[in-house]
N, C-alpha and C. Protein backbone atom coordinates (compact mmCIF):
# COMPACT_ATOMS: atom_id res chain seq x y z
N MET A 1 -191.54 94.09 56.86
CA MET A 1 -192.91 92.66 57.56
C MET A 1 -192.05 91.88 58.74
N LEU A 2 -192.95 91.19 59.23
CA LEU A 2 -192.53 90.12 59.75
C LEU A 2 -192.54 89.02 59.34
N ARG A 3 -191.27 88.06 59.16
CA ARG A 3 -191.11 86.81 58.71
C ARG A 3 -191.06 85.79 59.40
N TRP A 4 -191.99 84.96 59.64
CA TRP A 4 -192.17 83.61 60.68
C TRP A 4 -190.96 82.58 60.21
N GLN A 5 -190.70 82.08 61.12
CA GLN A 5 -189.32 81.46 60.83
C GLN A 5 -189.23 80.10 61.81
N ARG A 6 -189.47 78.92 61.06
CA ARG A 6 -189.44 77.63 62.19
C ARG A 6 -187.99 77.15 62.82
N VAL A 7 -188.01 76.99 63.98
CA VAL A 7 -187.09 76.49 64.59
C VAL A 7 -187.17 74.69 65.16
N SER A 8 -186.40 73.91 64.80
CA SER A 8 -186.49 72.43 64.59
C SER A 8 -185.48 72.06 65.82
N SER A 9 -185.67 70.61 66.43
CA SER A 9 -184.66 70.16 67.14
C SER A 9 -183.54 69.60 66.53
N ALA A 10 -182.63 68.62 67.27
CA ALA A 10 -181.69 68.03 66.66
C ALA A 10 -182.44 66.94 65.77
N GLN A 11 -183.25 66.17 66.12
CA GLN A 11 -184.37 65.35 65.37
C GLN A 11 -184.98 65.86 64.47
N GLY A 12 -185.18 67.09 64.00
CA GLY A 12 -186.21 67.65 63.18
C GLY A 12 -187.41 67.77 63.34
N LYS A 13 -187.86 67.79 64.85
CA LYS A 13 -188.88 68.00 65.04
C LYS A 13 -189.29 69.46 65.11
N PRO A 14 -190.28 70.10 64.86
CA PRO A 14 -190.63 71.41 64.64
C PRO A 14 -190.97 71.88 66.47
N LEU A 15 -190.10 72.69 66.86
CA LEU A 15 -190.12 73.38 68.40
C LEU A 15 -191.00 74.56 68.21
N PHE A 16 -190.73 75.77 67.81
CA PHE A 16 -191.71 76.53 67.73
C PHE A 16 -191.52 77.47 66.65
N LEU A 17 -192.47 78.44 66.20
CA LEU A 17 -192.15 79.56 65.51
C LEU A 17 -191.89 80.69 66.11
N PHE A 18 -190.88 81.24 65.58
CA PHE A 18 -190.83 83.07 65.72
C PHE A 18 -191.11 84.19 64.54
N ALA A 19 -190.95 85.04 65.03
CA ALA A 19 -191.42 86.31 63.89
C ALA A 19 -189.74 87.07 63.95
N LYS A 20 -189.07 86.48 62.61
CA LYS A 20 -187.88 87.17 62.11
C LYS A 20 -188.32 88.51 61.78
N PRO A 21 -187.41 89.70 62.02
CA PRO A 21 -187.61 91.06 61.70
C PRO A 21 -187.14 90.97 60.26
N SER A 22 -187.52 91.74 59.42
CA SER A 22 -186.92 92.07 58.21
C SER A 22 -186.76 93.32 58.39
N ALA A 23 -185.51 94.25 58.26
CA ALA A 23 -185.35 95.52 58.44
C ALA A 23 -184.44 96.25 57.35
N ALA A 24 -184.53 95.37 56.20
CA ALA A 24 -183.23 95.84 55.40
C ALA A 24 -183.39 96.91 54.01
N ALA A 25 -184.70 97.16 53.64
CA ALA A 25 -185.22 98.15 53.03
C ALA A 25 -185.43 99.23 53.75
N PRO A 26 -184.94 100.22 52.99
CA PRO A 26 -185.30 102.02 53.80
C PRO A 26 -186.42 102.16 54.09
N LEU A 27 -186.36 102.90 54.80
CA LEU A 27 -187.47 103.39 55.53
C LEU A 27 -187.96 104.90 55.12
N ILE A 28 -188.83 105.38 54.68
CA ILE A 28 -189.13 106.48 53.96
C ILE A 28 -189.90 107.15 54.66
N GLY A 29 -189.32 108.50 54.88
CA GLY A 29 -190.19 109.27 55.67
C GLY A 29 -190.55 110.91 54.84
N GLU A 30 -191.09 111.82 55.11
CA GLU A 30 -191.20 112.87 54.45
C GLU A 30 -189.97 113.74 53.97
N LYS A 31 -189.34 113.94 54.48
CA LYS A 31 -187.95 114.52 54.37
C LYS A 31 -186.58 113.84 54.20
N CYS A 32 -186.78 112.77 54.69
CA CYS A 32 -185.68 112.05 54.52
C CYS A 32 -186.24 110.71 54.80
N TYR A 33 -185.00 109.61 54.17
CA TYR A 33 -185.05 108.40 54.16
C TYR A 33 -184.04 107.70 55.04
N LEU A 34 -184.34 106.47 56.06
CA LEU A 34 -183.20 105.82 56.17
C LEU A 34 -183.10 104.41 55.72
N ARG A 35 -181.59 104.11 55.75
CA ARG A 35 -181.12 102.75 55.59
C ARG A 35 -180.41 102.50 56.23
N ALA A 36 -179.66 100.77 55.97
CA ALA A 36 -178.45 100.64 57.21
C ALA A 36 -177.41 100.95 56.44
N PRO A 37 -176.15 101.54 57.34
CA PRO A 37 -175.02 102.08 56.40
C PRO A 37 -174.15 101.12 56.14
N GLU A 38 -173.39 101.37 54.78
CA GLU A 38 -172.46 100.50 54.06
C GLU A 38 -171.21 101.10 53.97
N GLN A 39 -170.39 99.91 53.34
CA GLN A 39 -169.20 100.44 53.35
C GLN A 39 -168.75 101.52 52.87
N GLY A 40 -169.65 101.65 51.66
CA GLY A 40 -169.03 103.25 50.54
C GLY A 40 -169.68 104.30 51.36
N ASP A 41 -170.28 104.68 52.54
CA ASP A 41 -170.58 105.58 53.13
C ASP A 41 -169.63 106.37 53.87
N PHE A 42 -168.60 105.33 53.92
CA PHE A 42 -167.27 106.08 54.51
C PHE A 42 -166.50 107.47 54.37
N ALA A 43 -166.20 107.71 53.33
CA ALA A 43 -166.08 109.17 53.07
C ALA A 43 -167.04 110.35 53.33
N ASP A 44 -168.19 110.50 53.18
CA ASP A 44 -169.31 110.88 53.51
C ASP A 44 -169.59 111.16 54.96
N TRP A 45 -169.58 109.75 55.85
CA TRP A 45 -169.99 109.73 57.40
C TRP A 45 -168.64 110.36 57.63
N VAL A 46 -167.30 109.98 57.10
CA VAL A 46 -166.10 110.78 58.14
C VAL A 46 -166.12 112.40 57.90
N ALA A 47 -166.46 112.50 56.77
CA ALA A 47 -166.60 113.92 56.64
C ALA A 47 -167.38 115.17 57.52
N LEU A 48 -168.51 114.39 57.61
CA LEU A 48 -169.64 114.84 58.50
C LEU A 48 -169.52 114.80 59.59
N ARG A 49 -168.84 113.58 60.33
CA ARG A 49 -168.53 113.27 61.48
C ARG A 49 -167.67 114.75 62.08
N GLN A 50 -166.26 114.73 61.62
CA GLN A 50 -165.21 115.66 61.36
C GLN A 50 -165.61 116.94 61.48
N LYS A 51 -166.77 117.02 60.76
CA LYS A 51 -167.48 118.32 60.38
C LYS A 51 -167.89 119.19 61.58
N SER A 52 -168.51 118.01 62.12
CA SER A 52 -169.57 118.52 63.60
C SER A 52 -168.74 117.55 64.86
N ARG A 53 -167.68 117.71 64.65
CA ARG A 53 -167.01 116.63 66.30
C ARG A 53 -167.23 118.36 67.11
N ASP A 54 -166.78 119.63 67.25
CA ASP A 54 -167.36 120.17 68.30
C ASP A 54 -168.76 120.24 68.88
N PHE A 55 -169.69 119.91 67.84
CA PHE A 55 -171.00 119.91 68.04
C PHE A 55 -171.53 118.76 68.69
N LEU A 56 -171.08 117.39 68.78
CA LEU A 56 -171.33 116.31 68.54
C LEU A 56 -170.64 115.70 69.81
N GLU A 57 -169.28 116.18 70.22
CA GLU A 57 -168.48 115.28 71.32
C GLU A 57 -169.14 115.63 72.75
N ARG A 58 -169.60 116.52 72.96
CA ARG A 58 -170.13 116.99 74.39
C ARG A 58 -171.52 116.04 74.47
N TRP A 59 -171.79 115.40 73.81
CA TRP A 59 -173.32 114.61 74.09
C TRP A 59 -173.13 113.04 73.97
N GLU A 60 -171.41 112.93 73.74
CA GLU A 60 -171.54 111.42 72.94
C GLU A 60 -170.23 110.79 73.71
N PRO A 61 -170.11 109.67 74.02
CA PRO A 61 -169.01 108.97 74.70
C PRO A 61 -167.70 109.13 73.93
N THR A 62 -166.52 109.00 74.40
CA THR A 62 -165.41 109.08 73.98
C THR A 62 -165.12 108.67 72.42
N TRP A 63 -164.61 109.09 71.48
CA TRP A 63 -164.27 108.46 70.21
C TRP A 63 -162.77 108.47 70.05
N THR A 64 -162.33 107.13 69.71
CA THR A 64 -161.00 107.28 69.76
C THR A 64 -160.58 107.00 67.94
N ALA A 65 -158.70 108.44 67.90
CA ALA A 65 -159.17 108.16 66.49
C ALA A 65 -158.97 107.46 65.23
N GLU A 66 -158.93 105.40 66.11
CA GLU A 66 -159.03 104.67 65.05
C GLU A 66 -160.55 104.68 64.63
N GLU A 67 -161.34 104.86 65.32
CA GLU A 67 -162.62 104.63 65.07
C GLU A 67 -163.24 105.51 63.78
N PHE A 68 -162.30 106.44 63.25
CA PHE A 68 -162.58 107.78 62.29
C PHE A 68 -161.96 106.78 61.04
N SER A 69 -160.98 105.96 61.37
CA SER A 69 -160.34 105.58 59.68
C SER A 69 -161.25 104.49 59.53
N ARG A 70 -160.46 104.41 58.28
CA ARG A 70 -161.48 103.45 56.95
C ARG A 70 -161.45 101.65 57.84
N VAL A 71 -160.47 101.50 58.22
CA VAL A 71 -160.31 99.87 58.96
C VAL A 71 -161.23 100.02 60.07
N GLY A 72 -161.12 101.01 61.13
CA GLY A 72 -162.26 101.44 62.24
C GLY A 72 -163.88 101.49 61.73
N PHE A 73 -164.37 102.15 60.57
CA PHE A 73 -165.59 102.16 59.97
C PHE A 73 -165.89 100.62 59.28
N ARG A 74 -164.87 99.96 58.81
CA ARG A 74 -165.08 98.57 58.00
C ARG A 74 -165.77 97.70 59.34
N TYR A 75 -164.84 97.96 60.44
CA TYR A 75 -165.29 97.07 61.65
C TYR A 75 -166.56 97.44 62.23
N ARG A 76 -166.84 99.04 62.30
CA ARG A 76 -168.20 99.21 62.64
C ARG A 76 -169.11 98.51 61.80
N ILE A 77 -169.64 98.37 60.62
CA ILE A 77 -170.30 98.13 59.48
C ILE A 77 -170.23 96.57 60.13
N ARG A 78 -169.18 95.76 60.29
CA ARG A 78 -169.12 94.21 60.27
C ARG A 78 -170.33 94.02 61.68
N VAL A 79 -169.99 94.81 62.69
CA VAL A 79 -170.77 95.04 64.07
C VAL A 79 -172.08 95.16 63.77
N TYR A 80 -172.78 96.21 63.02
CA TYR A 80 -173.75 96.48 62.81
C TYR A 80 -174.59 95.25 61.81
N ASN A 81 -174.22 94.80 61.04
CA ASN A 81 -174.37 93.98 60.34
C ASN A 81 -174.68 92.62 61.27
N ALA A 82 -173.88 91.82 62.00
CA ALA A 82 -173.90 91.19 62.99
C ALA A 82 -174.97 90.93 63.55
N ARG A 83 -175.09 92.25 64.42
CA ARG A 83 -176.29 92.65 65.39
C ARG A 83 -177.76 92.28 65.02
N ALA A 84 -177.54 93.10 63.23
CA ALA A 84 -178.99 93.07 62.81
C ALA A 84 -179.35 91.69 62.72
N LEU A 85 -178.02 90.79 62.27
CA LEU A 85 -178.36 89.34 61.78
C LEU A 85 -179.09 88.54 63.27
N GLU A 86 -178.60 89.11 64.47
CA GLU A 86 -178.74 88.31 65.76
C GLU A 86 -180.11 88.88 66.30
N ASP A 87 -180.75 89.89 65.41
CA ASP A 87 -181.96 90.50 65.86
C ASP A 87 -181.36 91.10 67.36
N GLN A 88 -180.24 92.11 67.67
CA GLN A 88 -179.97 92.73 68.87
C GLN A 88 -180.07 93.86 68.58
N ALA A 89 -179.59 94.48 67.66
CA ALA A 89 -179.65 95.96 66.96
C ALA A 89 -179.69 96.25 65.72
N TYR A 90 -180.19 97.38 65.47
CA TYR A 90 -180.48 98.05 64.06
C TYR A 90 -179.96 99.15 63.78
N ALA A 91 -178.84 99.48 62.90
CA ALA A 91 -178.23 100.67 62.59
C ALA A 91 -178.69 101.59 61.49
N TYR A 92 -179.02 102.58 61.38
CA TYR A 92 -179.38 103.03 60.15
C TYR A 92 -178.54 104.57 59.57
N PHE A 93 -178.49 104.84 58.77
CA PHE A 93 -177.77 106.35 58.08
C PHE A 93 -178.97 106.95 57.66
N ILE A 94 -179.03 108.37 58.04
CA ILE A 94 -180.23 109.11 57.44
C ILE A 94 -180.09 110.03 56.26
N PHE A 95 -180.65 110.02 55.07
CA PHE A 95 -180.50 110.88 54.24
C PHE A 95 -181.47 111.89 53.53
N ASP A 96 -181.03 112.87 53.13
CA ASP A 96 -182.17 113.63 52.64
C ASP A 96 -182.38 113.43 51.50
N SER A 97 -183.98 113.73 51.39
CA SER A 97 -184.83 112.60 50.42
C SER A 97 -183.98 113.28 48.83
N GLU A 98 -183.96 114.90 48.66
CA GLU A 98 -183.65 115.52 47.65
C GLU A 98 -182.21 115.16 47.22
N THR A 99 -181.45 115.72 48.17
CA THR A 99 -180.02 115.70 47.45
C THR A 99 -178.80 114.51 48.06
N GLN A 100 -179.89 113.37 48.38
CA GLN A 100 -179.23 112.00 48.90
C GLN A 100 -177.79 112.45 49.96
N ALA A 101 -178.03 113.57 50.77
CA ALA A 101 -176.59 113.61 51.33
C ALA A 101 -177.37 113.06 52.68
N LEU A 102 -175.65 112.48 53.11
CA LEU A 102 -175.85 111.95 54.52
C LEU A 102 -176.24 113.01 55.44
N VAL A 103 -177.03 113.21 56.30
CA VAL A 103 -177.25 113.89 57.71
C VAL A 103 -177.17 113.58 59.23
N GLY A 104 -177.00 111.81 59.39
CA GLY A 104 -177.16 111.81 60.65
C GLY A 104 -177.24 110.12 60.57
N GLY A 105 -177.56 109.90 62.09
CA GLY A 105 -177.55 108.86 62.23
C GLY A 105 -178.76 108.04 63.11
N LEU A 106 -178.98 106.49 63.43
CA LEU A 106 -180.33 106.63 64.10
C LEU A 106 -179.94 104.90 64.36
N THR A 107 -180.21 104.50 65.81
CA THR A 107 -179.85 102.94 66.15
C THR A 107 -181.20 102.52 67.29
N LEU A 108 -181.32 101.22 67.06
CA LEU A 108 -182.49 101.23 67.46
C LEU A 108 -181.51 99.61 68.28
N SER A 109 -181.46 99.82 69.84
CA SER A 109 -180.47 98.70 70.21
C SER A 109 -180.85 98.17 71.42
N HIS A 110 -180.15 97.09 71.94
CA HIS A 110 -180.90 96.53 73.30
C HIS A 110 -182.05 96.19 73.02
N LEU A 111 -182.40 95.50 71.70
CA LEU A 111 -183.78 94.57 71.67
C LEU A 111 -184.13 93.57 72.84
N ARG A 112 -185.07 93.88 73.28
CA ARG A 112 -185.41 92.85 74.35
C ARG A 112 -186.90 91.83 73.45
N ARG A 113 -186.96 90.92 73.68
CA ARG A 113 -188.12 90.22 72.75
C ARG A 113 -188.93 89.15 73.91
N GLY A 114 -189.63 88.39 73.62
CA GLY A 114 -190.63 87.55 74.79
C GLY A 114 -191.50 88.57 74.80
N VAL A 115 -191.79 88.86 76.37
CA VAL A 115 -193.12 89.55 76.92
C VAL A 115 -192.35 91.36 76.76
N SER A 116 -191.04 91.49 76.60
CA SER A 116 -190.67 92.87 76.27
C SER A 116 -191.25 93.51 75.15
N GLN A 117 -190.33 92.76 73.77
CA GLN A 117 -190.47 93.43 72.44
C GLN A 117 -190.39 95.21 72.52
N SER A 118 -189.13 95.58 73.19
CA SER A 118 -188.76 96.84 72.99
C SER A 118 -187.23 96.81 72.67
N ALA A 119 -186.96 98.48 72.69
CA ALA A 119 -185.46 98.35 71.88
C ALA A 119 -185.22 100.18 72.46
N ALA A 120 -184.14 100.56 72.57
CA ALA A 120 -183.37 101.81 72.84
C ALA A 120 -183.12 102.44 71.80
N LEU A 121 -183.49 103.88 71.95
CA LEU A 121 -183.52 104.79 70.57
C LEU A 121 -182.39 105.35 70.99
N GLY A 122 -181.43 105.47 70.06
CA GLY A 122 -180.45 106.49 70.03
C GLY A 122 -180.13 107.42 68.73
N TYR A 123 -179.49 108.33 68.78
CA TYR A 123 -179.51 109.26 67.45
C TYR A 123 -178.29 110.47 67.39
N TRP A 124 -178.30 110.67 66.20
CA TRP A 124 -177.16 111.97 66.01
C TRP A 124 -177.49 112.46 64.50
N ILE A 125 -177.26 113.91 64.81
CA ILE A 125 -177.14 114.64 63.68
C ILE A 125 -176.05 115.59 63.54
N GLY A 126 -175.59 115.56 61.91
CA GLY A 126 -174.55 116.75 61.51
C GLY A 126 -174.86 117.65 61.51
N GLU A 127 -174.12 118.73 62.35
CA GLU A 127 -174.19 120.21 62.53
C GLU A 127 -174.83 120.93 61.49
N PRO A 128 -174.39 120.57 60.18
CA PRO A 128 -175.17 121.64 58.91
C PRO A 128 -176.60 121.38 59.05
N TYR A 129 -176.96 120.17 59.71
CA TYR A 129 -178.36 119.80 59.47
C TYR A 129 -179.39 119.79 60.33
N ALA A 130 -178.89 120.27 61.61
CA ALA A 130 -179.35 120.47 62.72
C ALA A 130 -180.48 121.27 62.83
N ARG A 131 -181.55 121.18 63.86
CA ARG A 131 -182.66 121.96 63.47
C ARG A 131 -183.42 122.31 62.30
N GLN A 132 -183.67 121.00 61.48
CA GLN A 132 -183.98 121.59 60.03
C GLN A 132 -184.91 120.53 59.94
N GLY A 133 -185.44 119.78 61.19
CA GLY A 133 -186.48 118.78 61.02
C GLY A 133 -186.20 117.38 60.53
N TYR A 134 -184.56 117.17 60.26
CA TYR A 134 -184.52 115.72 59.81
C TYR A 134 -184.51 114.85 60.76
N MET A 135 -183.97 114.74 61.92
CA MET A 135 -184.36 114.14 63.06
C MET A 135 -185.79 113.66 63.61
N SER A 136 -186.30 114.73 63.75
CA SER A 136 -187.83 114.57 63.84
C SER A 136 -188.72 113.63 62.97
N ASP A 137 -188.18 113.85 61.82
CA ASP A 137 -188.85 112.95 60.80
C ASP A 137 -188.28 111.59 60.76
N ALA A 138 -187.18 111.63 61.09
CA ALA A 138 -186.32 110.23 60.93
C ALA A 138 -187.05 109.43 62.09
N ILE A 139 -187.29 109.82 63.69
CA ILE A 139 -187.68 109.32 64.84
C ILE A 139 -189.30 109.20 64.33
N ARG A 140 -190.06 110.05 63.74
CA ARG A 140 -191.49 109.72 63.61
C ARG A 140 -191.45 108.40 62.81
N THR A 141 -190.42 108.17 61.56
CA THR A 141 -190.39 107.30 60.78
C THR A 141 -190.32 105.74 61.70
N VAL A 142 -189.20 106.31 61.91
CA VAL A 142 -188.93 104.78 62.41
C VAL A 142 -190.10 104.31 63.96
N ILE A 143 -190.87 105.49 64.55
CA ILE A 143 -191.91 105.24 65.40
C ILE A 143 -193.08 104.13 64.31
N ARG A 144 -193.09 104.71 62.98
CA ARG A 144 -194.27 104.31 62.31
C ARG A 144 -193.90 102.61 61.90
N GLU A 145 -192.54 102.39 61.70
CA GLU A 145 -192.44 101.19 61.16
C GLU A 145 -191.82 100.07 61.99
N ALA A 146 -191.84 100.82 63.60
CA ALA A 146 -191.13 99.70 64.54
C ALA A 146 -191.90 98.50 64.47
N ARG A 147 -193.70 98.77 64.97
CA ARG A 147 -194.23 97.83 64.83
C ARG A 147 -194.01 96.64 63.97
N PRO A 148 -194.96 97.29 62.47
CA PRO A 148 -194.87 96.25 61.28
C PRO A 148 -193.19 95.79 60.96
N ARG A 149 -192.25 96.26 61.07
CA ARG A 149 -191.13 95.77 60.72
C ARG A 149 -190.51 94.91 61.70
N LEU A 150 -190.43 95.42 62.85
CA LEU A 150 -189.68 94.58 63.73
C LEU A 150 -190.07 94.04 64.90
N GLY A 151 -191.87 94.12 64.94
CA GLY A 151 -192.47 93.86 65.55
C GLY A 151 -192.30 94.52 67.21
N LEU A 152 -191.88 95.40 67.59
CA LEU A 152 -191.73 96.49 68.97
C LEU A 152 -192.82 96.84 69.50
N HIS A 153 -193.23 96.71 70.46
CA HIS A 153 -194.30 97.54 71.31
C HIS A 153 -193.99 98.75 71.83
N ARG A 154 -192.51 98.69 72.16
CA ARG A 154 -192.21 100.16 73.32
C ARG A 154 -190.62 100.30 72.90
N LEU A 155 -190.45 102.03 72.75
CA LEU A 155 -189.58 102.42 72.74
C LEU A 155 -188.69 103.10 73.93
N GLU A 156 -187.39 103.25 73.87
CA GLU A 156 -186.83 104.06 75.14
C GLU A 156 -186.10 104.87 75.18
N ALA A 157 -185.72 105.99 75.26
CA ALA A 157 -184.60 107.03 75.05
C ALA A 157 -184.03 107.52 76.47
N ALA A 158 -183.05 108.21 76.45
CA ALA A 158 -182.39 108.79 77.30
C ALA A 158 -181.34 109.91 76.78
N CYS A 159 -181.43 111.26 77.33
CA CYS A 159 -180.49 112.17 77.22
C CYS A 159 -180.08 113.06 78.43
N ILE A 160 -179.04 113.91 78.49
CA ILE A 160 -178.60 114.35 79.23
C ILE A 160 -179.31 115.76 79.95
N PRO A 161 -179.69 115.71 81.17
CA PRO A 161 -180.96 116.85 81.27
C PRO A 161 -180.71 118.25 80.74
N ARG A 162 -179.33 118.80 80.49
CA ARG A 162 -178.69 119.92 79.97
C ARG A 162 -179.03 119.95 78.50
N ASN A 163 -179.21 119.08 77.62
CA ASN A 163 -179.71 119.04 76.54
C ASN A 163 -180.74 119.25 75.97
N GLU A 164 -181.07 120.74 76.31
CA GLU A 164 -182.56 120.86 75.74
C GLU A 164 -183.18 120.63 74.71
N ALA A 165 -181.71 120.48 73.29
CA ALA A 165 -182.84 120.57 72.16
C ALA A 165 -183.07 118.84 71.97
N SER A 166 -182.51 118.10 72.72
CA SER A 166 -182.71 116.31 72.55
C SER A 166 -184.14 116.25 73.26
N ARG A 167 -184.14 116.99 74.72
CA ARG A 167 -185.56 116.56 75.54
C ARG A 167 -186.65 117.31 74.53
N ARG A 168 -186.61 118.25 74.15
CA ARG A 168 -187.79 118.86 73.07
C ARG A 168 -188.14 117.92 71.81
N LEU A 169 -186.99 117.20 71.70
CA LEU A 169 -187.33 116.56 70.06
C LEU A 169 -188.09 115.18 70.96
N LEU A 170 -187.27 114.34 71.60
CA LEU A 170 -188.18 113.32 72.23
C LEU A 170 -189.89 113.62 72.44
N ILE A 171 -189.99 114.57 73.28
CA ILE A 171 -191.53 115.22 73.72
C ILE A 171 -191.89 115.45 72.65
N LYS A 172 -191.20 116.13 71.24
CA LYS A 172 -192.06 116.40 70.34
C LYS A 172 -192.32 115.16 69.25
N CYS A 173 -191.59 114.18 69.48
CA CYS A 173 -191.99 112.74 68.94
C CYS A 173 -192.78 111.91 69.59
N GLY A 174 -193.48 112.35 70.69
CA GLY A 174 -194.52 111.26 71.33
C GLY A 174 -193.81 110.73 72.60
N PHE A 175 -192.52 110.77 72.76
CA PHE A 175 -191.83 110.53 74.39
C PHE A 175 -192.67 110.89 75.26
N GLU A 176 -192.71 110.15 76.58
CA GLU A 176 -192.77 110.92 77.85
C GLU A 176 -192.12 110.37 78.92
N PRO A 177 -191.64 111.82 79.58
CA PRO A 177 -190.71 111.16 80.47
C PRO A 177 -191.22 110.72 81.85
N GLU A 178 -190.07 109.64 81.67
CA GLU A 178 -190.54 108.11 82.71
C GLU A 178 -189.51 108.04 84.31
N GLY A 179 -188.55 109.04 84.08
CA GLY A 179 -187.53 108.69 85.31
C GLY A 179 -186.53 109.54 85.11
N TYR A 180 -185.20 109.13 86.09
CA TYR A 180 -183.75 109.74 86.11
C TYR A 180 -182.94 108.81 86.76
N ALA A 181 -181.89 108.62 85.94
CA ALA A 181 -180.76 107.92 85.92
C ALA A 181 -179.50 108.38 86.73
N ARG A 182 -178.78 108.27 87.25
CA ARG A 182 -177.92 109.01 87.99
C ARG A 182 -176.71 108.24 87.40
N GLN A 183 -175.83 108.91 86.68
CA GLN A 183 -174.28 108.64 86.39
C GLN A 183 -174.80 107.19 85.68
N TYR A 184 -175.64 107.52 84.50
CA TYR A 184 -176.17 106.68 83.31
C TYR A 184 -175.12 106.24 82.62
N VAL A 185 -174.53 106.93 81.92
CA VAL A 185 -173.52 106.59 80.82
C VAL A 185 -172.66 107.75 81.07
N LYS A 186 -171.29 107.03 80.50
CA LYS A 186 -170.32 107.89 80.60
C LYS A 186 -170.17 108.74 79.32
N ILE A 187 -170.22 109.98 79.27
CA ILE A 187 -169.95 111.13 78.12
C ILE A 187 -169.20 112.02 78.24
N ALA A 188 -168.28 112.02 77.06
CA ALA A 188 -166.95 112.68 77.00
C ALA A 188 -166.17 112.81 78.18
N GLY A 189 -166.34 111.67 78.58
CA GLY A 189 -165.19 111.43 79.68
C GLY A 189 -165.77 111.80 81.39
N GLU A 190 -167.02 111.75 81.24
CA GLU A 190 -167.41 111.88 82.86
C GLU A 190 -168.86 111.24 82.63
N TRP A 191 -169.17 110.33 84.14
CA TRP A 191 -170.30 109.88 84.06
C TRP A 191 -171.66 111.03 84.35
N GLU A 192 -172.60 110.58 83.53
CA GLU A 192 -173.29 111.83 83.21
C GLU A 192 -174.99 111.43 83.80
N ASP A 193 -175.76 111.94 84.51
CA ASP A 193 -176.90 111.61 84.52
C ASP A 193 -177.81 111.53 83.48
N HIS A 194 -178.95 110.82 83.36
CA HIS A 194 -180.15 110.74 81.80
C HIS A 194 -181.56 111.26 82.43
N LEU A 195 -182.28 111.69 81.68
CA LEU A 195 -183.61 111.49 81.69
C LEU A 195 -184.04 110.66 80.85
N LEU A 196 -185.06 109.98 81.51
CA LEU A 196 -185.60 108.65 80.88
C LEU A 196 -186.89 108.87 80.12
N PHE A 197 -187.08 108.31 79.18
CA PHE A 197 -187.96 108.46 78.36
C PHE A 197 -188.60 107.67 77.83
N GLY A 198 -189.65 106.88 77.55
CA GLY A 198 -190.64 105.95 76.99
C GLY A 198 -191.90 106.28 76.26
N LEU A 199 -192.13 105.48 74.89
CA LEU A 199 -193.04 105.75 74.07
C LEU A 199 -193.32 104.32 73.74
N ILE A 200 -195.06 104.11 73.46
CA ILE A 200 -196.04 102.80 73.40
C ILE A 200 -195.91 102.83 71.98
N VAL A 201 -195.46 102.06 71.27
CA VAL A 201 -195.52 102.36 69.61
C VAL A 201 -197.23 101.83 69.19
N PRO A 202 -197.48 103.24 68.31
CA PRO A 202 -198.94 102.98 67.83
C PRO A 202 -199.31 101.96 67.22
């Protein structure tokens, strides 16, 4: 739920109220649940990422060896927490509801407030859990909670044109094609074109 916070001037006079998001509680789906990443997730995270390396690296920016270290993960968690406190981005890990196994991750980033109230959706799934309904459940759960939890009106997403699985996933979850961006993001060392998608949060 949104919590209203008063902002005051140096003289203590109230200036305005704004809605401060509360995203700490887990998001509960039908097949999985999402929560903020924690330091204790390192072993499961690095094992899943390494196991899925060939499956994921062709769709992602290049990772350095340091990013897979415990120090790198600790820094990543600090960045996640700082961005959430500043209402810039919200990161979630996705877990199987029955086994509690880590299956993937999802982020809402580049939050724009004011008259936009929008964010960009990003996601990844471990290879052992791909095409089993985890990510579609996770995305639908985030869509359902985007307005009441974070006050978001619109979500945006993008994928490489040849990533047919990701394109089908976004359409399945209610996103609509909105455009084409040339050399949009550097993926696996190459500037890649992307299909752009948008969704108005119901």
